[in-house]
Amino acid sequence: MDVEKIGANDARHREHLMAPARQLTSSASLKGKEVEGNRLRRVKRLVARASLRLSRKKAN
């Protein structure tokens, strides 16, 4: 067997083994961004609610 052919098979095998790990990490980073977006939305909502309460107190 050629050394080059063995090397090419090793590289393909390694790529095949790494594919699931790569999918997991990209999925995790997407979920992280999603969580970050939800957290930001929640904080904005809380700030809006608090400022509304403060403006109502000032009006009374």
PDB file of N, CA and C in Angstrom:
ATOM      1  N   MET A   1       0.837  -1.190   0.000  1.00  0.00           N
ATOM      2  CA  MET A   1       0.000   0.000   0.000  1.00  0.00           C
ATOM      3  C   MET A   1       0.875   1.244   0.000  1.00  0.00           C
ATOM      4  N   ASP A   2       0.397   2.253  -0.698  1.00  0.00           N
ATOM      5  CA  ASP A   2       1.118   3.520  -0.733  1.00  0.00           C
ATOM      6  C   ASP A   2       0.975   4.247   0.596  1.00  0.00           C
ATOM      7  N   VAL A   3       2.035   4.904   0.989  1.00  0.00           N
ATOM      8  CA  VAL A   3       1.986   5.703   2.217  1.00  0.00           C
ATOM      9  C   VAL A   3       0.993   6.853   2.039  1.00  0.00           C
ATOM     10  N   GLU A   4       0.967   7.448   0.837  1.00  0.00           N
ATOM     11  CA  GLU A   4       0.046   8.562   0.569  1.00  0.00           C
ATOM     12  C   GLU A   4      -1.408   8.114   0.691  1.00  0.00           C
ATOM     13  N   LYS A   5      -1.695   6.907   0.196  1.00  0.00           N
ATOM     14  CA  LYS A   5      -3.062   6.395   0.245  1.00  0.00           C
ATOM     15  C   LYS A   5      -3.493   6.164   1.694  1.00  0.00           C
ATOM     16  N   ILE A   6      -2.580   5.638   2.503  1.00  0.00           N
ATOM     17  CA  ILE A   6      -2.884   5.417   3.925  1.00  0.00           C
ATOM     18  C   ILE A   6      -3.134   6.760   4.604  1.00  0.00           C
ATOM     19  N   GLY A   7      -2.296   7.746   4.288  1.00  0.00           N
ATOM     20  CA  GLY A   7      -2.460   9.089   4.865  1.00  0.00           C
ATOM     21  C   GLY A   7      -3.799   9.700   4.499  1.00  0.00           C
ATOM     22  N   ALA A   8      -4.208   9.531   3.254  1.00  0.00           N
ATOM     23  CA  ALA A   8      -5.490  10.078   2.800  1.00  0.00           C
ATOM     24  C   ALA A   8      -6.644   9.395   3.526  1.00  0.00           C
ATOM     25  N   ASN A   9      -6.544   8.081   3.711  1.00  0.00           N
ATOM     26  CA  ASN A   9      -7.590   7.357   4.435  1.00  0.00           C
ATOM     27  C   ASN A   9      -7.658   7.807   5.886  1.00  0.00           C
ATOM     28  N   ASP A  10      -6.499   8.027   6.504  1.00  0.00           N
ATOM     29  CA  ASP A  10      -6.469   8.509   7.886  1.00  0.00           C
ATOM     30  C   ASP A  10      -7.160   9.863   8.003  1.00  0.00           C
ATOM     31  N   ALA A  11      -6.863  10.745   7.051  1.00  0.00           N
ATOM     32  CA  ALA A  11      -7.460  12.084   7.084  1.00  0.00           C
ATOM     33  C   ALA A  11      -8.975  12.000   6.933  1.00  0.00           C
ATOM     34  N   ARG A  12      -9.438  11.146   6.020  1.00  0.00           N
ATOM     35  CA  ARG A  12     -10.886  10.991   5.831  1.00  0.00           C
ATOM     36  C   ARG A  12     -11.537  10.411   7.084  1.00  0.00           C
ATOM     37  N   HIS A  13     -10.862   9.427   7.677  1.00  0.00           N
ATOM     38  CA  HIS A  13     -11.389   8.796   8.883  1.00  0.00           C
ATOM     39  C   HIS A  13     -11.459   9.816  10.024  1.00  0.00           C
ATOM     40  N   ARG A  14     -10.413  10.605  10.161  1.00  0.00           N
ATOM     41  CA  ARG A  14     -10.373  11.623  11.215  1.00  0.00           C
ATOM     42  C   ARG A  14     -11.503  12.642  11.002  1.00  0.00           C
ATOM     43  N   GLU A  15     -11.703  13.053   9.756  1.00  0.00           N
ATOM     44  CA  GLU A  15     -12.778  14.000   9.423  1.00  0.00           C
ATOM     45  C   GLU A  15     -14.141  13.399   9.771  1.00  0.00           C
ATOM     46  N   HIS A  16     -14.312  12.122   9.472  1.00  0.00           N
ATOM     47  CA  HIS A  16     -15.562  11.424   9.774  1.00  0.00           C
ATOM     48  C   HIS A  16     -15.810  11.390  11.280  1.00  0.00           C
ATOM     49  N   LEU A  17     -14.756  11.164  12.062  1.00  0.00           N
ATOM     50  CA  LEU A  17     -14.900  11.105  13.515  1.00  0.00           C
ATOM     51  C   LEU A  17     -15.172  12.482  14.113  1.00  0.00           C
ATOM     52  N   MET A  18     -14.633  13.525  13.491  1.00  0.00           N
ATOM     53  CA  MET A  18     -14.775  14.872  14.035  1.00  0.00           C
ATOM     54  C   MET A  18     -16.125  15.512  13.696  1.00  0.00           C
ATOM     55  N   ALA A  19     -16.811  15.019  12.679  1.00  0.00           N
ATOM     56  CA  ALA A  19     -18.056  15.647  12.228  1.00  0.00           C
ATOM     57  C   ALA A  19     -19.105  15.789  13.345  1.00  0.00           C
ATOM     58  N   PRO A  20     -19.392  14.739  14.121  1.00  0.00           N
ATOM     59  CA  PRO A  20     -20.399  14.899  15.185  1.00  0.00           C
ATOM     60  C   PRO A  20     -19.989  15.941  16.229  1.00  0.00           C
ATOM     61  N   ALA A  21     -18.706  15.972  16.575  1.00  0.00           N
ATOM     62  CA  ALA A  21     -18.233  16.954  17.555  1.00  0.00           C
ATOM     63  C   ALA A  21     -18.400  18.365  17.008  1.00  0.00           C
ATOM     64  N   ARG A  22     -18.119  18.542  15.736  1.00  0.00           N
ATOM     65  CA  ARG A  22     -18.258  19.858  15.108  1.00  0.00           C
ATOM     66  C   ARG A  22     -19.726  20.290  15.110  1.00  0.00           C
ATOM     67  N   GLN A  23     -20.618  19.342  14.847  1.00  0.00           N
ATOM     68  CA  GLN A  23     -22.051  19.665  14.863  1.00  0.00           C
ATOM     69  C   GLN A  23     -22.501  20.075  16.264  1.00  0.00           C
ATOM     70  N   LEU A  24     -21.992  19.365  17.261  1.00  0.00           N
ATOM     71  CA  LEU A  24     -22.368  19.682  18.637  1.00  0.00           C
ATOM     72  C   LEU A  24     -21.906  21.074  19.028  1.00  0.00           C
ATOM     73  N   THR A  25     -20.668  21.417  18.668  1.00  0.00           N
ATOM     74  CA  THR A  25     -20.156  22.725  19.068  1.00  0.00           C
ATOM     75  C   THR A  25     -20.895  23.842  18.352  1.00  0.00           C
ATOM     76  N   SER A  26     -21.211  23.657  17.075  1.00  0.00           N
ATOM     77  CA  SER A  26     -21.937  24.719  16.369  1.00  0.00           C
ATOM     78  C   SER A  26     -23.347  24.840  16.932  1.00  0.00           C
ATOM     79  N   SER A  27     -23.951  23.721  17.285  1.00  0.00           N
ATOM     80  CA  SER A  27     -25.287  23.740  17.873  1.00  0.00           C
ATOM     81  C   SER A  27     -25.255  24.446  19.228  1.00  0.00           C
ATOM     82  N   ALA A  28     -24.223  24.165  20.018  1.00  0.00           N
ATOM     83  CA  ALA A  28     -24.104  24.790  21.336  1.00  0.00           C
ATOM     84  C   ALA A  28     -23.905  26.291  21.207  1.00  0.00           C
ATOM     85  N   SER A  29     -23.109  26.713  20.230  1.00  0.00           N
ATOM     86  CA  SER A  29     -22.888  28.151  20.081  1.00  0.00           C
ATOM     87  C   SER A  29     -24.163  28.839  19.625  1.00  0.00           C
ATOM     88  N   LEU A  30     -24.935  28.170  18.782  1.00  0.00           N
ATOM     89  CA  LEU A  30     -26.213  28.753  18.364  1.00  0.00           C
ATOM     90  C   LEU A  30     -27.157  28.868  19.550  1.00  0.00           C
ATOM     91  N   LYS A  31     -27.195  27.831  20.378  1.00  0.00           N
ATOM     92  CA  LYS A  31     -28.057  27.865  21.559  1.00  0.00           C
ATOM     93  C   LYS A  31     -27.596  28.959  22.512  1.00  0.00           C
ATOM     94  N   GLY A  32     -26.281  29.122  22.628  1.00  0.00           N
ATOM     95  CA  GLY A  32     -25.742  30.184  23.480  1.00  0.00           C
ATOM     96  C   GLY A  32     -26.189  31.548  23.009  1.00  0.00           C
ATOM     97  N   LYS A  33     -26.167  31.758  21.702  1.00  0.00           N
ATOM     98  CA  LYS A  33     -26.612  33.039  21.155  1.00  0.00           C
ATOM     99  C   LYS A  33     -28.104  33.228  21.394  1.00  0.00           C
ATOM    100  N   GLU A  34     -28.850  32.131  21.290  1.00  0.00           N
ATOM    101  CA  GLU A  34     -30.292  32.192  21.509  1.00  0.00           C
ATOM    102  C   GLU A  34     -30.586  32.568  22.956  1.00  0.00           C
ATOM    103  N   VAL A  35     -29.870  31.955  23.881  1.00  0.00           N
ATOM    104  CA  VAL A  35     -30.056  32.250  25.306  1.00  0.00           C
ATOM    105  C   VAL A  35     -29.684  33.696  25.580  1.00  0.00           C
ATOM    106  N   GLU A  36     -28.582  34.145  24.967  1.00  0.00           N
ATOM    107  CA  GLU A  36     -28.136  35.523  25.142  1.00  0.00           C
ATOM    108  C   GLU A  36     -29.215  36.491  24.655  1.00  0.00           C
ATOM    109  N   GLY A  37     -29.816  36.186  23.516  1.00  0.00           N
ATOM    110  CA  GLY A  37     -30.882  37.028  22.971  1.00  0.00           C
ATOM    111  C   GLY A  37     -32.093  37.063  23.883  1.00  0.00           C
ATOM    112  N   ASN A  38     -32.456  35.914  24.436  1.00  0.00           N
ATOM    113  CA  ASN A  38     -33.596  35.848  25.362  1.00  0.00           C
ATOM    114  C   ASN A  38     -33.317  36.648  26.624  1.00  0.00           C
ATOM    115  N   ARG A  39     -32.092  36.545  27.119  1.00  0.00           N
ATOM    116  CA  ARG A  39     -31.721  37.269  28.335  1.00  0.00           C
ATOM    117  C   ARG A  39     -31.800  38.773  28.083  1.00  0.00           C
ATOM    118  N   LEU A  40     -31.298  39.193  26.937  1.00  0.00           N
ATOM    119  CA  LEU A  40     -31.330  40.614  26.591  1.00  0.00           C
ATOM    120  C   LEU A  40     -32.772  41.111  26.491  1.00  0.00           C
ATOM    121  N   ARG A  41     -33.617  40.318  25.853  1.00  0.00           N
ATOM    122  CA  ARG A  41     -35.032  40.679  25.734  1.00  0.00           C
ATOM    123  C   ARG A  41     -35.678  40.809  27.115  1.00  0.00           C
ATOM    124  N   ARG A  42     -35.362  39.866  28.003  1.00  0.00           N
ATOM    125  CA  ARG A  42     -35.941  39.879  29.347  1.00  0.00           C
ATOM    126  C   ARG A  42     -35.487  41.123  30.122  1.00  0.00           C
ATOM    127  N   VAL A  43     -34.211  41.456  30.003  1.00  0.00           N
ATOM    128  CA  VAL A  43     -33.682  42.639  30.693  1.00  0.00           C
ATOM    129  C   VAL A  43     -34.349  43.904  30.159  1.00  0.00           C
ATOM    130  N   LYS A  44     -34.487  43.990  28.833  1.00  0.00           N
ATOM    131  CA  LYS A  44     -35.142  45.166  28.244  1.00  0.00           C
ATOM    132  C   LYS A  44     -36.577  45.300  28.754  1.00  0.00           C
ATOM    133  N   ARG A  45     -37.269  44.168  28.848  1.00  0.00           N
ATOM    134  CA  ARG A  45     -38.652  44.185  29.331  1.00  0.00           C
ATOM    135  C   ARG A  45     -38.711  44.662  30.783  1.00  0.00           C
ATOM    136  N   LEU A  46     -37.781  44.171  31.614  1.00  0.00           N
ATOM    137  CA  LEU A  46     -37.752  44.582  33.015  1.00  0.00           C
ATOM    138  C   LEU A  46     -37.456  46.067  33.148  1.00  0.00           C
ATOM    139  N   VAL A  47     -36.528  46.567  32.356  1.00  0.00           N
ATOM    140  CA  VAL A  47     -36.183  47.991  32.396  1.00  0.00           C
ATOM    141  C   VAL A  47     -37.385  48.829  31.971  1.00  0.00           C
ATOM    142  N   ALA A  48     -38.062  48.399  30.908  1.00  0.00           N
ATOM    143  CA  ALA A  48     -39.242  49.135  30.437  1.00  0.00           C
ATOM    144  C   ALA A  48     -40.324  49.161  31.509  1.00  0.00           C
ATOM    145  N   ARG A  49     -40.539  48.024  32.161  1.00  0.00           N
ATOM    146  CA  ARG A  49     -41.564  47.947  33.202  1.00  0.00           C
ATOM    147  C   ARG A  49     -41.210  48.851  34.387  1.00  0.00           C
ATOM    148  N   ALA A  50     -39.942  48.824  34.791  1.00  0.00           N
ATOM    149  CA  ALA A  50     -39.503  49.646  35.921  1.00  0.00           C
ATOM    150  C   ALA A  50     -39.623  51.128  35.589  1.00  0.00           C
ATOM    151  N   SER A  51     -39.228  51.517  34.386  1.00  0.00           N
ATOM    152  CA  SER A  51     -39.315  52.939  34.024  1.00  0.00           C
ATOM    153  C   SER A  51     -40.775  53.381  33.920  1.00  0.00           C
ATOM    154  N   LEU A  52     -41.654  52.495  33.486  1.00  0.00           N
ATOM    155  CA  LEU A  52     -43.079  52.817  33.423  1.00  0.00           C
ATOM    156  C   LEU A  52     -43.629  53.056  34.830  1.00  0.00           C
ATOM    157  N   ARG A  53     -43.247  52.199  35.764  1.00  0.00           N
ATOM    158  CA  ARG A  53     -43.698  52.369  37.154  1.00  0.00           C
ATOM    159  C   ARG A  53     -43.192  53.685  37.728  1.00  0.00           C
ATOM    160  N   LEU A  54     -41.926  54.006  37.436  1.00  0.00           N
ATOM    161  CA  LEU A  54     -41.358  55.253  37.952  1.00  0.00           C
ATOM    162  C   LEU A  54     -42.082  56.462  37.364  1.00  0.00           C
ATOM    163  N   SER A  55     -42.386  56.401  36.081  1.00  0.00           N
ATOM    164  CA  SER A  55     -43.077  57.538  35.450  1.00  0.00           C
ATOM    165  C   SER A  55     -44.494  57.682  36.012  1.00  0.00           C
ATOM    166  N   ARG A  56     -45.137  56.576  36.349  1.00  0.00           N
ATOM    167  CA  ARG A  56     -46.479  56.641  36.948  1.00  0.00           C
ATOM    168  C   ARG A  56     -46.420  57.249  38.347  1.00  0.00           C
ATOM    169  N   LYS A  57     -45.361  56.899  39.106  1.00  0.00           N
ATOM    170  CA  LYS A  57     -45.213  57.455  40.457  1.00  0.00           C
ATOM    171  C   LYS A  57     -45.015  58.964  40.389  1.00  0.00           C
ATOM    172  N   LYS A  58     -44.218  59.422  39.421  1.00  0.00           N
ATOM    173  CA  LYS A  58     -43.963  60.856  39.277  1.00  0.00           C
ATOM    174  C   LYS A  58     -45.243  61.597  38.900  1.00  0.00           C
ATOM    175  N   ALA A  59     -46.100  60.958  38.106  1.00  0.00           N
ATOM    176  CA  ALA A  59     -47.346  61.591  37.661  1.00  0.00           C
ATOM    177  C   ALA A  59     -48.327  61.766  38.819  1.00  0.00           C
ATOM    178  N   ASN A  60     -48.278  60.867  39.804  1.00  0.00           N
ATOM    179  CA  ASN A  60     -49.225  60.939  40.940  1.00  0.00           C
ATOM    180  C   ASN A  60     -48.761  61.871  41.970  1.00  0.00           C
TER     181      ASN A  60
END
